[in-house]
């Protein structure tokens, strides 16, 4: 897993009820580029760990986030 995936996973594990914020803001908070953040979103979505709907990110399977 890439660094952005790890950072995003750790961030989401600390917010198990999900988060709602713009991707630009989240990328800045995590210290990654927006492109890297979107790749991390895609990878975690493909694994079934998260679901994105607009600015809302829901954690679907916490255990999959631990394995990143």
C-alpha atoms as a PDB file:
ATOM      1  CA  UNK A   1       0.000   0.000   0.000  1.00  0.00           C
ATOM      2  CA  UNK A   2       1.169   3.483  -0.773  1.00  0.00           C
ATOM      3  CA  UNK A   3       1.876   6.103   1.848  1.00  0.00           C
ATOM      4  CA  UNK A   4      -1.350   7.970   1.015  1.00  0.00           C
ATOM      5  CA  UNK A   5      -3.345   4.764   1.552  1.00  0.00           C
ATOM      6  CA  UNK A   6      -1.747   4.225   4.942  1.00  0.00           C
ATOM      7  CA  UNK A   7      -2.321   7.834   5.970  1.00  0.00           C
ATOM      8  CA  UNK A   8      -5.936   7.754   4.820  1.00  0.00           C
ATOM      9  CA  UNK A   9      -6.552   4.417   6.553  1.00  0.00           C
ATOM     10  CA  UNK A  10      -5.111   5.674   9.834  1.00  0.00           C
ATOM     11  CA  UNK A  11      -7.146   8.865   9.591  1.00  0.00           C
ATOM     12  CA  UNK A  12     -10.356   6.939   8.943  1.00  0.00           C
ATOM     13  CA  UNK A  13      -9.630   4.504  11.772  1.00  0.00           C
ATOM     14  CA  UNK A  14      -9.564   7.488  14.112  1.00  0.00           C
ATOM     15  CA  UNK A  15     -12.963   8.561  12.673  1.00  0.00           C
ATOM     16  CA  UNK A  16     -14.911   5.270  12.569  1.00  0.00           C
ATOM     17  CA  UNK A  17     -18.239   7.025  12.029  1.00  0.00           C
ATOM     18  CA  UNK A  18     -16.940   8.455   8.771  1.00  0.00           C
ATOM     19  CA  UNK A  19     -15.950  11.950   7.742  1.00  0.00           C
ATOM     20  CA  UNK A  20     -17.373  14.669   5.592  1.00  0.00           C
ATOM     21  CA  UNK A  21     -14.901  17.129   4.116  1.00  0.00           C
ATOM     22  CA  UNK A  22     -13.630  18.256   0.716  1.00  0.00           C
ATOM     23  CA  UNK A  23     -10.829  16.156  -0.784  1.00  0.00           C
ATOM     24  CA  UNK A  24      -8.563  19.217  -1.035  1.00  0.00           C
ATOM     25  CA  UNK A  25      -8.868  19.808   2.715  1.00  0.00           C
ATOM     26  CA  UNK A  26      -8.299  16.160   3.521  1.00  0.00           C
ATOM     27  CA  UNK A  27      -5.246  15.976   1.247  1.00  0.00           C
ATOM     28  CA  UNK A  28      -3.752  18.986   3.035  1.00  0.00           C
ATOM     29  CA  UNK A  29      -4.472  17.464   6.462  1.00  0.00           C
ATOM     30  CA  UNK A  30      -2.809  14.201   5.450  1.00  0.00           C
ATOM     31  CA  UNK A  31       0.119  15.875   3.685  1.00  0.00           C
ATOM     32  CA  UNK A  32      -0.489  14.133   0.358  1.00  0.00           C
ATOM     33  CA  UNK A  33      -1.394  15.354  -3.114  1.00  0.00           C
ATOM     34  CA  UNK A  34      -5.005  15.250  -4.266  1.00  0.00           C
ATOM     35  CA  UNK A  35      -4.033  12.770  -6.976  1.00  0.00           C
ATOM     36  CA  UNK A  36      -2.508  10.432  -4.383  1.00  0.00           C
ATOM     37  CA  UNK A  37      -5.574  10.827  -2.194  1.00  0.00           C
ATOM     38  CA  UNK A  38      -7.890   9.908  -5.072  1.00  0.00           C
ATOM     39  CA  UNK A  39      -5.767   6.825  -5.832  1.00  0.00           C
ATOM     40  CA  UNK A  40      -6.028   5.868  -2.151  1.00  0.00           C
ATOM     41  CA  UNK A  41      -9.820   6.384  -2.274  1.00  0.00           C
ATOM     42  CA  UNK A  42     -10.012   4.126  -5.333  1.00  0.00           C
ATOM     43  CA  UNK A  43      -7.853   1.401  -3.788  1.00  0.00           C
ATOM     44  CA  UNK A  44      -9.770   1.359  -0.492  1.00  0.00           C
ATOM     45  CA  UNK A  45     -13.115   1.451  -2.309  1.00  0.00           C
ATOM     46  CA  UNK A  46     -12.083  -1.506  -4.510  1.00  0.00           C
ATOM     47  CA  UNK A  47     -11.182  -3.489  -1.390  1.00  0.00           C
ATOM     48  CA  UNK A  48     -14.578  -2.743   0.119  1.00  0.00           C
ATOM     49  CA  UNK A  49     -13.089  -0.841   3.065  1.00  0.00           C
ATOM     50  CA  UNK A  50     -14.799   2.500   2.368  1.00  0.00           C
ATOM     51  CA  UNK A  51     -17.628   4.052   0.414  1.00  0.00           C
ATOM     52  CA  UNK A  52     -17.537   7.609  -0.938  1.00  0.00           C
ATOM     53  CA  UNK A  53     -20.530   9.751  -1.752  1.00  0.00           C
ATOM     54  CA  UNK A  54     -19.536  13.309  -2.555  1.00  0.00           C
ATOM     55  CA  UNK A  55     -17.698  14.743   0.444  1.00  0.00           C
ATOM     56  CA  UNK A  56     -18.816  11.895   2.735  1.00  0.00           C
ATOM     57  CA  UNK A  57     -16.517   8.936   3.380  1.00  0.00           C
ATOM     58  CA  UNK A  58     -18.008   5.981   5.244  1.00  0.00           C
ATOM     59  CA  UNK A  59     -15.976   3.169   6.772  1.00  0.00           C
ATOM     60  CA  UNK A  60     -17.504  -0.134   5.639  1.00  0.00           C
ATOM     61  CA  UNK A  61     -14.935  -2.558   7.060  1.00  0.00           C
ATOM     62  CA  UNK A  62     -12.507  -1.390   9.741  1.00  0.00           C
ATOM     63  CA  UNK A  63     -10.519  -4.626   9.556  1.00  0.00           C
ATOM     64  CA  UNK A  64      -9.575  -3.925   5.954  1.00  0.00           C
ATOM     65  CA  UNK A  65      -8.192  -0.525   6.989  1.00  0.00           C
ATOM     66  CA  UNK A  66      -5.926  -2.174   9.582  1.00  0.00           C
ATOM     67  CA  UNK A  67      -4.349  -4.354   6.908  1.00  0.00           C
ATOM     68  CA  UNK A  68      -3.132  -1.381   4.828  1.00  0.00           C
END
